[in-house]
C-alpha atoms as a PDB file:
ATOM      1  CA  MET A   1     -51.531   1.667 -72.250  1.00  0.00           C
ATOM      2  CA  ALA A   2     -48.623  -0.450 -73.266  1.00  0.00           C
ATOM      3  CA  SER A   3     -46.693   0.353 -70.079  1.00  0.00           C
ATOM      4  CA  THR A   4     -47.666   0.417 -66.475  1.00  0.00           C
ATOM      5  CA  SER A   5     -46.088   3.803 -65.952  1.00  0.00           C
ATOM      6  CA  SER A   6     -49.415   5.537 -66.652  1.00  0.00           C
ATOM      7  CA  PHE A   7     -51.151   3.915 -63.708  1.00  0.00           C
ATOM      8  CA  ALA A   8     -51.257   5.301 -60.199  1.00  0.00           C
ATOM      9  CA  PHE A   9     -49.888   2.967 -57.676  1.00  0.00           C
ATOM     10  CA  SER A  10     -50.478   3.041 -53.908  1.00  0.00           C
ATOM     11  CA  SER A  11     -50.150   0.552 -51.099  1.00  0.00           C
ATOM     12  CA  ASN A  12     -53.751   0.164 -49.753  1.00  0.00           C
ATOM     13  CA  THR A  13     -55.313  -1.488 -52.723  1.00  0.00           C
ATOM     14  CA  THR A  14     -56.077  -4.996 -54.014  1.00  0.00           C
ATOM     15  CA  TYR A  15     -56.319  -4.290 -57.794  1.00  0.00           C
ATOM     16  CA  ASP A  16     -54.289  -2.160 -60.198  1.00  0.00           C
ATOM     17  CA  VAL A  17     -57.280  -1.701 -62.467  1.00  0.00           C
ATOM     18  CA  PHE A  18     -61.060  -1.935 -62.230  1.00  0.00           C
ATOM     19  CA  LEU A  19     -62.740  -2.367 -65.609  1.00  0.00           C
ATOM     20  CA  SER A  20     -66.219  -0.753 -65.933  1.00  0.00           C
ATOM     21  CA  PHE A  21     -68.113  -1.638 -69.038  1.00  0.00           C
ATOM     22  CA  ARG A  22     -71.523  -2.504 -70.563  1.00  0.00           C
ATOM     23  CA  GLY A  23     -71.139  -6.307 -70.784  1.00  0.00           C
ATOM     24  CA  ILE A  24     -73.522  -7.035 -73.644  1.00  0.00           C
ATOM     25  CA  GLU A  25     -71.723  -4.646 -75.891  1.00  0.00           C
ATOM     26  CA  THR A  26     -68.056  -5.059 -75.213  1.00  0.00           C
ATOM     27  CA  ARG A  27     -67.425  -8.107 -72.919  1.00  0.00           C
ATOM     28  CA  HIS A  28     -66.550 -10.563 -75.742  1.00  0.00           C
ATOM     29  CA  ASN A  29     -64.636  -8.212 -77.939  1.00  0.00           C
ATOM     30  CA  PHE A  30     -62.913  -5.016 -76.865  1.00  0.00           C
ATOM     31  CA  THR A  31     -63.087  -5.521 -73.109  1.00  0.00           C
ATOM     32  CA  SER A  32     -61.861  -9.148 -73.305  1.00  0.00           C
ATOM     33  CA  HIS A  33     -58.905  -8.094 -75.412  1.00  0.00           C
ATOM     34  CA  LEU A  34     -58.011  -5.248 -73.056  1.00  0.00           C
ATOM     35  CA  HIS A  35     -58.318  -7.537 -70.021  1.00  0.00           C
ATOM     36  CA  ALA A  36     -56.046 -10.058 -71.635  1.00  0.00           C
ATOM     37  CA  ALA A  37     -53.507  -7.410 -72.480  1.00  0.00           C
ATOM     38  CA  LEU A  38     -53.450  -6.092 -68.945  1.00  0.00           C
ATOM     39  CA  CYS A  39     -53.076  -9.597 -67.574  1.00  0.00           C
ATOM     40  CA  ARG A  40     -50.104 -10.219 -69.925  1.00  0.00           C
ATOM     41  CA  LYS A  41     -48.451  -7.156 -68.378  1.00  0.00           C
ATOM     42  CA  ASN A  42     -49.054  -8.613 -64.850  1.00  0.00           C
ATOM     43  CA  ILE A  43     -51.503  -5.755 -64.095  1.00  0.00           C
ATOM     44  CA  THR A  44     -53.934  -7.121 -61.467  1.00  0.00           C
ATOM     45  CA  THR A  45     -57.284  -6.399 -62.926  1.00  0.00           C
ATOM     46  CA  PHE A  46     -60.841  -6.666 -61.513  1.00  0.00           C
ATOM     47  CA  ILE A  47     -63.458  -7.732 -64.062  1.00  0.00           C
ATOM     48  CA  ASP A  48     -66.944  -8.722 -62.897  1.00  0.00           C
ATOM     49  CA  ASP A  49     -66.625 -12.340 -63.992  1.00  0.00           C
ATOM     50  CA  ILE A  50     -64.367 -13.082 -61.051  1.00  0.00           C
ATOM     51  CA  LEU A  51     -67.135 -12.534 -58.493  1.00  0.00           C
ATOM     52  CA  GLU A  52     -67.869 -15.621 -56.370  1.00  0.00           C
ATOM     53  CA  ARG A  53     -71.236 -17.316 -56.691  1.00  0.00           C
ATOM     54  CA  GLY A  54     -73.773 -16.122 -54.121  1.00  0.00           C
ATOM     55  CA  GLU A  55     -71.842 -12.863 -53.543  1.00  0.00           C
ATOM     56  CA  GLY A  56     -73.958  -9.746 -53.731  1.00  0.00           C
ATOM     57  CA  ILE A  57     -73.038  -7.930 -56.898  1.00  0.00           C
ATOM     58  CA  SER A  58     -73.406  -4.372 -55.829  1.00  0.00           C
ATOM     59  CA  PRO A  59     -71.426  -4.441 -52.587  1.00  0.00           C
ATOM     60  CA  ALA A  60     -68.671  -6.561 -54.167  1.00  0.00           C
ATOM     61  CA  LEU A  61     -68.373  -4.131 -57.103  1.00  0.00           C
ATOM     62  CA  MET A  62     -68.347  -1.107 -54.859  1.00  0.00           C
ATOM     63  CA  LYS A  63     -65.608  -2.744 -52.701  1.00  0.00           C
ATOM     64  CA  ALA A  64     -63.560  -3.627 -55.800  1.00  0.00           C
ATOM     65  CA  ILE A  65     -63.724  -0.025 -57.017  1.00  0.00           C
ATOM     66  CA  GLU A  66     -62.580   1.227 -53.655  1.00  0.00           C
ATOM     67  CA  GLU A  67     -59.733  -1.306 -53.678  1.00  0.00           C
ATOM     68  CA  SER A  68     -58.524  -0.434 -57.206  1.00  0.00           C
ATOM     69  CA  LYS A  69     -55.797   2.033 -57.922  1.00  0.00           C
ATOM     70  CA  ASN A  70     -57.252   2.975 -61.288  1.00  0.00           C
ATOM     71  CA  SER A  71     -60.538   2.522 -63.046  1.00  0.00           C
ATOM     72  CA  VAL A  72     -60.800   2.081 -66.844  1.00  0.00           C
ATOM     73  CA  VAL A  73     -64.288   3.095 -67.932  1.00  0.00           C
ATOM     74  CA  ILE A  74     -65.226   1.793 -71.387  1.00  0.00           C
ATOM     75  CA  PHE A  75     -68.001   4.098 -72.555  1.00  0.00           C
ATOM     76  CA  SER A  76     -70.007   2.403 -75.311  1.00  0.00           C
ATOM     77  CA  GLU A  77     -73.186   3.430 -77.010  1.00  0.00           C
ATOM     78  CA  ASN A  78     -75.436   1.734 -74.382  1.00  0.00           C
ATOM     79  CA  TYR A  79     -73.252   2.111 -71.257  1.00  0.00           C
ATOM     80  CA  ALA A  80     -75.670   4.746 -69.870  1.00  0.00           C
ATOM     81  CA  SER A  81     -78.647   2.382 -70.328  1.00  0.00           C
ATOM     82  CA  SER A  82     -77.389   0.351 -67.340  1.00  0.00           C
ATOM     83  CA  ARG A  83     -78.113   1.586 -63.772  1.00  0.00           C
ATOM     84  CA  TRP A  84     -75.326  -0.721 -62.582  1.00  0.00           C
ATOM     85  CA  CYS A  85     -72.813   1.026 -64.947  1.00  0.00           C
ATOM     86  CA  LEU A  86     -74.037   4.469 -63.829  1.00  0.00           C
ATOM     87  CA  ASP A  87     -73.863   3.525 -60.138  1.00  0.00           C
ATOM     88  CA  GLU A  88     -70.301   2.150 -60.736  1.00  0.00           C
ATOM     89  CA  LEU A  89     -69.296   5.361 -62.443  1.00  0.00           C
ATOM     90  CA  VAL A  90     -70.634   7.532 -59.545  1.00  0.00           C
ATOM     91  CA  LYS A  91     -68.523   5.426 -57.144  1.00  0.00           C
ATOM     92  CA  ILE A  92     -65.481   5.595 -59.457  1.00  0.00           C
ATOM     93  CA  ILE A  93     -65.701   9.410 -59.653  1.00  0.00           C
ATOM     94  CA  ASP A  94     -66.215   9.565 -55.893  1.00  0.00           C
ATOM     95  CA  CYS A  95     -63.010   7.463 -55.326  1.00  0.00           C
ATOM     96  CA  GLU A  96     -61.203   9.700 -57.656  1.00  0.00           C
ATOM     97  CA  LYS A  97     -62.061  12.797 -55.612  1.00  0.00           C
ATOM     98  CA  LYS A  98     -61.819  11.315 -52.143  1.00  0.00           C
ATOM     99  CA  LEU A  99     -58.995   8.687 -52.500  1.00  0.00           C
ATOM    100  CA  GLY A 100     -56.991  10.153 -55.388  1.00  0.00           C
ATOM    101  CA  ARG A 101     -57.714   7.224 -57.689  1.00  0.00           C
ATOM    102  CA  LYS A 102     -57.068   7.597 -61.350  1.00  0.00           C
ATOM    103  CA  VAL A 103     -59.885   7.351 -63.945  1.00  0.00           C
ATOM    104  CA  LEU A 104     -58.997   6.412 -67.503  1.00  0.00           C
ATOM    105  CA  PRO A 105     -61.907   6.664 -69.955  1.00  0.00           C
ATOM    106  CA  ILE A 106     -62.092   4.884 -73.228  1.00  0.00           C
ATOM    107  CA  PHE A 107     -64.769   6.194 -75.642  1.00  0.00           C
ATOM    108  CA  TYR A 108     -65.602   3.028 -77.576  1.00  0.00           C
ATOM    109  CA  ARG A 109     -67.438   4.056 -80.747  1.00  0.00           C
ATOM    110  CA  VAL A 110     -68.932   7.180 -78.869  1.00  0.00           C
ATOM    111  CA  ASN A 111     -67.950  10.786 -78.907  1.00  0.00           C
ATOM    112  CA  PRO A 112     -66.619  12.089 -75.517  1.00  0.00           C
ATOM    113  CA  SER A 113     -68.959  15.123 -75.971  1.00  0.00           C
ATOM    114  CA  ASP A 114     -71.950  12.795 -76.180  1.00  0.00           C
ATOM    115  CA  VAL A 115     -70.840  11.317 -72.814  1.00  0.00           C
ATOM    116  CA  ARG A 116     -70.316  14.728 -71.313  1.00  0.00           C
ATOM    117  CA  LYS A 117     -73.519  16.228 -72.550  1.00  0.00           C
ATOM    118  CA  GLN A 118     -75.679  13.039 -72.712  1.00  0.00           C
ATOM    119  CA  THR A 119     -76.497  13.601 -76.382  1.00  0.00           C
ATOM    120  CA  GLY A 120     -76.664  11.435 -79.454  1.00  0.00           C
ATOM    121  CA  LYS A 121     -77.333   7.672 -79.087  1.00  0.00           C
ATOM    122  CA  PHE A 122     -75.504   7.698 -75.792  1.00  0.00           C
ATOM    123  CA  GLY A 123     -77.956  10.359 -74.566  1.00  0.00           C
ATOM    124  CA  GLU A 124     -80.895   8.314 -75.868  1.00  0.00           C
ATOM    125  CA  ALA A 125     -79.748   5.344 -73.771  1.00  0.00           C
ATOM    126  CA  PHE A 126     -79.380   7.665 -70.700  1.00  0.00           C
ATOM    127  CA  GLY A 127     -82.899   9.011 -71.326  1.00  0.00           C
ATOM    128  CA  LYS A 128     -84.381   5.568 -71.311  1.00  0.00           C
ATOM    129  CA  VAL A 129     -82.778   4.565 -68.022  1.00  0.00           C
ATOM    130  CA  LYS A 130     -83.904   7.871 -66.493  1.00  0.00           C
ATOM    131  CA  GLU A 131     -87.468   7.193 -67.603  1.00  0.00           C
ATOM    132  CA  ASN A 132     -87.462   3.628 -66.144  1.00  0.00           C
ATOM    133  CA  SER A 133     -85.555   4.538 -63.047  1.00  0.00           C
ATOM    134  CA  LYS A 134     -87.009   4.423 -59.622  1.00  0.00           C
ATOM    135  CA  HIS A 135     -84.121   6.596 -58.489  1.00  0.00           C
ATOM    136  CA  SER A 136     -84.715  10.010 -56.952  1.00  0.00           C
ATOM    137  CA  LEU A 137     -83.998  13.141 -58.915  1.00  0.00           C
ATOM    138  CA  ASP A 138     -80.875  13.334 -56.758  1.00  0.00           C
ATOM    139  CA  GLY A 139     -79.721   9.928 -57.964  1.00  0.00           C
ATOM    140  CA  VAL A 140     -80.273  10.827 -61.573  1.00  0.00           C
ATOM    141  CA  GLU A 141     -78.390  14.123 -61.055  1.00  0.00           C
ATOM    142  CA  LYS A 142     -75.442  12.134 -59.559  1.00  0.00           C
ATOM    143  CA  TRP A 143     -75.342  10.017 -62.706  1.00  0.00           C
ATOM    144  CA  ARG A 144     -75.501  13.107 -64.922  1.00  0.00           C
ATOM    145  CA  THR A 145     -72.699  14.815 -63.008  1.00  0.00           C
ATOM    146  CA  ALA A 146     -70.472  11.658 -63.016  1.00  0.00           C
ATOM    147  CA  LEU A 147     -71.036  11.361 -66.865  1.00  0.00           C
ATOM    148  CA  MET A 148     -70.167  15.023 -67.313  1.00  0.00           C
ATOM    149  CA  GLU A 149     -67.040  14.778 -65.235  1.00  0.00           C
ATOM    150  CA  ALA A 150     -65.876  11.487 -66.810  1.00  0.00           C
ATOM    151  CA  GLY A 151     -66.537  12.957 -70.325  1.00  0.00           C
ATOM    152  CA  ASN A 152     -64.323  15.873 -69.438  1.00  0.00           C
ATOM    153  CA  LEU A 153     -61.346  13.585 -68.650  1.00  0.00           C
ATOM    154  CA  SER A 154     -58.627  13.033 -71.118  1.00  0.00           C
ATOM    155  CA  GLY A 155     -58.930   9.539 -72.522  1.00  0.00           C
ATOM    156  CA  TRP A 156     -58.813   7.393 -75.564  1.00  0.00           C
ATOM    157  CA  VAL A 157     -61.263   7.574 -78.503  1.00  0.00           C
ATOM    158  CA  SER A 158     -61.730   4.331 -80.329  1.00  0.00           C
ATOM    159  CA  SER A 159     -63.887   4.227 -83.484  1.00  0.00           C
ATOM    160  CA  ASP A 160     -63.203   0.591 -83.992  1.00  0.00           C
ATOM    161  CA  SER A 161     -62.307  -2.448 -81.923  1.00  0.00           C
ATOM    162  CA  ARG A 162     -58.562  -2.179 -82.753  1.00  0.00           C
END
């Protein structure tokens, strides 16, 4: 990702990149380094710490996804334990299909097949959120489908923070 040529650019957007990640796992290491590198390249990046106080998180995040040319999804071991992350992913995949946005997955210390099939520790995290979810079966199926589709995308596999 050293050059901007791999990113899709269009005129009706606010951000070049939307970063989707599980904050407690990657915010202060991998994600912060990636965010800094994108900023150094003058790539306008949405990261959730730029939300204004008092702004509703869900609508603001959904709007930012719609207004982003690309989404970089950092799949970590507990990404699927967050309903917020899963809802973001559903929206990201929806924007890929309907608006032609580009989705760039990074598999941070997880295997892409574990994301695709919801297996291993990644699958265990997804199982817990399903058990604790008040979402309908339709909502859970949307999460599962989004994970499968994202896991099938060509991306980067990182076994360490470098």
